[in-house]
Protein backbone atom coordinates (compact mmCIF):
# COMPACT_ATOMS: atom_id res chain seq x y z
CA UNK A 1 252.34 146.24 47.63
CA UNK A 2 250.17 143.27 48.58
CA UNK A 3 247.35 144.66 46.45
CA UNK A 4 249.60 144.84 43.39
CA UNK A 5 250.71 141.21 43.89
CA UNK A 6 247.07 140.09 44.16
CA UNK A 7 246.14 141.96 40.98
CA UNK A 8 249.12 140.45 39.12
CA UNK A 9 248.23 136.95 40.32
CA UNK A 10 244.60 137.51 39.30
CA UNK A 11 245.65 138.64 35.81
CA UNK A 12 247.90 135.59 35.41
CA UNK A 13 245.06 133.31 36.51
CA UNK A 14 242.68 134.98 34.06
CA UNK A 15 245.21 134.65 31.23
CA UNK A 16 245.72 130.94 31.95
CA UNK A 17 241.97 130.33 32.18
CA UNK A 18 241.43 132.21 28.91
CA UNK A 19 244.15 130.15 27.20
CA UNK A 20 242.54 126.96 28.53
CA UNK A 21 239.14 128.00 27.21
CA UNK A 22 240.55 128.89 23.77
CA UNK A 23 242.49 125.59 23.65
CA UNK A 24 239.31 123.63 24.46
CA UNK A 25 237.40 125.47 21.70
CA UNK A 26 240.25 124.84 19.22
CA UNK A 27 240.36 121.11 20.13
CA UNK A 28 236.60 120.78 19.72
CA UNK A 29 236.83 122.42 16.27
CA UNK A 30 239.51 119.91 15.25
CA UNK A 31 237.32 117.05 16.49
CA UNK A 32 234.33 118.41 14.55
CA UNK A 33 236.50 118.61 11.42
CA UNK A 34 237.77 115.04 11.88
CA UNK A 35 234.24 113.68 12.40
CA UNK A 36 233.04 115.72 9.42
CA UNK A 37 235.55 114.18 7.00
CA UNK A 38 235.42 110.58 8.29
CA UNK A 39 232.19 109.51 10.00
CA UNK A 40 229.64 111.88 8.41
CA UNK A 41 230.43 110.93 4.76
CA UNK A 42 230.21 107.21 5.64
CA UNK A 43 226.86 107.81 7.34
CA UNK A 44 225.39 109.86 4.47
CA UNK A 45 226.65 107.52 1.71
CA UNK A 46 225.07 104.44 3.30
CA UNK A 47 221.91 103.41 1.43
CA UNK A 48 220.97 100.68 3.92
CA UNK A 49 218.71 102.95 5.98
CA UNK A 50 215.53 100.95 6.59
CA UNK A 51 215.36 98.30 9.28
CA UNK A 52 213.48 95.07 8.72
CA UNK A 53 213.66 91.43 9.83
CA UNK A 54 215.90 88.96 8.02
CA UNK A 55 215.15 85.24 8.06
CA UNK A 56 218.09 82.96 7.34
CA UNK A 57 217.55 80.69 4.34
CA UNK A 58 221.06 79.36 3.95
CA UNK A 59 224.44 79.89 5.64
CA UNK A 60 227.22 78.03 3.85
CA UNK A 61 230.95 78.00 4.55
CA UNK A 62 232.80 77.53 1.28
CA UNK A 63 236.08 75.94 2.30
CA UNK A 64 237.04 75.01 -1.26
CA UNK A 65 236.73 78.57 -2.56
CA UNK A 66 238.81 80.67 -0.20
CA UNK A 67 238.19 84.38 -0.48
CA UNK A 68 240.94 86.96 -0.43
CA UNK A 69 240.31 90.65 0.38
CA UNK A 70 241.06 91.57 -3.24
CA UNK A 71 239.67 89.38 -6.00
CA UNK A 72 242.07 90.88 -8.57
CA UNK A 73 245.13 90.08 -6.49
CA UNK A 74 247.31 87.23 -7.79
CA UNK A 75 249.72 87.30 -4.86
CA UNK A 76 249.89 83.91 -3.15
CA UNK A 77 250.86 85.54 0.16
CA UNK A 78 247.57 87.44 0.35
CA UNK A 79 245.63 86.52 3.48
CA UNK A 80 242.92 83.98 2.62
CA UNK A 81 239.98 82.74 4.67
CA UNK A 82 236.89 80.51 4.36
CA UNK A 83 233.98 82.36 2.81
CA UNK A 84 230.69 82.41 4.71
CA UNK A 85 227.83 82.98 2.27
CA UNK A 86 224.51 83.90 3.88
CA UNK A 87 221.17 84.11 2.06
CA UNK A 88 218.22 85.70 3.86
CA UNK A 89 214.60 86.54 3.19
CA UNK A 90 213.58 90.17 3.76
CA UNK A 91 210.20 90.29 5.50
CA UNK A 92 209.62 93.83 4.18
CA UNK A 93 209.75 92.82 0.51
CA UNK A 94 209.91 89.02 0.49
CA UNK A 95 213.13 89.09 -1.52
CA UNK A 96 215.92 86.55 -1.16
CA UNK A 97 219.18 88.48 -0.86
CA UNK A 98 222.78 88.10 0.29
CA UNK A 99 223.52 89.32 3.81
CA UNK A 100 226.71 91.15 4.79
CA UNK A 101 228.06 92.07 8.20
CA UNK A 102 228.44 95.83 7.46
CA UNK A 103 228.74 98.23 4.51
CA UNK A 104 232.51 97.83 4.71
CA UNK A 105 232.25 94.06 4.20
CA UNK A 106 230.54 94.51 0.83
CA UNK A 107 233.28 96.89 -0.32
CA UNK A 108 236.06 94.52 0.75
CA UNK A 109 234.54 91.26 -0.53
CA UNK A 110 231.16 91.03 -2.24
CA UNK A 111 230.97 87.23 -1.88
CA UNK A 112 231.38 86.78 1.87
CA UNK A 113 229.28 87.74 4.89
CA UNK A 114 232.31 88.44 7.08
CA UNK A 115 235.85 89.63 6.33
CA UNK A 116 238.37 88.99 9.14
CA UNK A 117 241.39 91.15 9.88
CA UNK A 118 244.69 90.32 8.19
CA UNK A 119 246.44 89.90 11.55
CA UNK A 120 244.15 87.09 12.71
CA UNK A 121 245.42 83.49 12.66
CA UNK A 122 243.85 81.08 10.12
CA UNK A 123 242.69 78.60 12.79
CA UNK A 124 241.09 81.37 14.85
CA UNK A 125 239.42 82.79 11.74
CA UNK A 126 237.97 79.39 10.80
CA UNK A 127 236.61 78.88 14.35
CA UNK A 128 235.20 82.40 14.36
CA UNK A 129 233.43 81.95 11.03
CA UNK A 130 232.01 78.58 12.12
CA UNK A 131 230.68 80.21 15.31
CA UNK A 132 229.06 83.03 13.31
CA UNK A 133 227.43 80.51 10.96
CA UNK A 134 226.05 78.42 13.84
CA UNK A 135 224.67 81.54 15.56
CA UNK A 136 222.94 82.68 12.37
CA UNK A 137 221.36 79.24 11.95
CA UNK A 138 220.41 79.15 15.63
CA UNK A 139 218.59 82.49 15.82
CA UNK A 140 217.15 82.36 12.27
CA UNK A 141 215.38 85.76 12.47
CA UNK A 142 217.02 89.05 13.48
CA UNK A 143 216.91 92.77 12.62
CA UNK A 144 218.84 93.88 9.54
CA UNK A 145 219.01 96.83 7.13
CA UNK A 146 218.18 97.08 3.44
CA UNK A 147 218.09 99.72 0.71
CA UNK A 148 214.48 100.88 0.19
CA UNK A 149 215.49 102.63 -3.05
CA UNK A 150 216.64 99.38 -4.61
CA UNK A 151 220.14 100.62 -5.46
CA UNK A 152 221.64 97.72 -3.51
CA UNK A 153 219.87 94.37 -3.79
CA UNK A 154 221.31 92.96 -0.57
CA UNK A 155 221.14 93.52 3.18
CA UNK A 156 223.53 94.25 6.04
CA UNK A 157 223.39 93.01 9.62
CA UNK A 158 224.49 96.28 11.24
CA UNK A 159 225.44 99.77 10.08
CA UNK A 160 228.98 101.00 10.72
CA UNK A 161 227.69 104.39 11.86
CA UNK A 162 224.04 104.38 12.98
CA UNK A 163 222.32 107.63 13.96
CA UNK A 164 222.93 106.97 17.68
CA UNK A 165 226.63 106.43 17.00
CA UNK A 166 226.84 109.66 14.99
CA UNK A 167 225.16 111.65 17.77
CA UNK A 168 227.47 110.06 20.36
CA UNK A 169 230.49 111.03 18.24
CA UNK A 170 229.33 114.66 18.27
CA UNK A 171 228.65 114.60 22.03
CA UNK A 172 232.28 114.90 23.23
CA UNK A 173 233.37 117.81 21.02
CA UNK A 174 230.12 119.58 21.88
CA UNK A 175 230.82 119.22 25.61
CA UNK A 176 234.40 120.39 25.06
CA UNK A 177 233.23 123.40 23.02
CA UNK A 178 230.57 124.31 25.60
CA UNK A 179 233.08 124.05 28.47
CA UNK A 180 235.63 126.21 26.62
CA UNK A 181 233.04 128.89 25.80
CA UNK A 182 231.83 128.87 29.43
CA UNK A 183 235.38 129.41 30.72
CA UNK A 184 235.94 132.30 28.29
CA UNK A 185 232.62 133.93 29.26
CA UNK A 186 233.39 133.59 32.98
CA UNK A 187 236.85 135.16 32.51
CA UNK A 188 235.37 138.06 30.57
CA UNK A 189 232.72 138.60 33.26
CA UNK A 190 235.45 138.54 35.92
CA UNK A 191 237.49 141.11 33.99
CA UNK A 192 234.45 143.30 33.50
CA UNK A 193 233.58 143.17 37.21
CA UNK A 194 237.22 144.00 38.12
CA UNK A 195 237.24 147.03 35.80
CA UNK A 196 233.86 148.18 37.08
CA UNK A 197 234.90 147.89 40.73
CA UNK A 198 238.18 149.73 40.02
CA UNK A 199 236.29 152.52 38.22
CA UNK A 200 233.89 152.90 41.14
């Protein structure tokens, strides 16, 4: 009687462990899919792949010409902010180009270095942009990225998804997938050993 109870408990434990392993594998597949449709396309579409050194030539805050996220928008309620225009010299080519914070900044507003969030307060945004401008003037030279193919004649300060970030994004689903597969393999080995011992 006790033996039957132990066998039943063992089977229940194996079933739960197997379900856990399958759930972990399924979750990792969903994470891979999510990364594959969001981060990977952004990484592959980015043409700013080569790192160089940018030297600041001019960093101007244009208070008179406020920039809105959409240039075509005529809505007066659209969030507006001072536009920080930054010109730099690329040491790799010697070109004078506009600098943007990230790839996303260029898509949102091609005139400004930095595009703040809509939820930020105007006073905070102005202070933030002034701080960024003073830091750029202070450090003068810093690493940046440009398009070696010449498709984009500008530069960005940092990539949204660098190679290290992409690998880090794949790390967690890989660990989850490995753990799930390990649990499934261990359950199958346990079942095989149980059947073999019963047969003997």
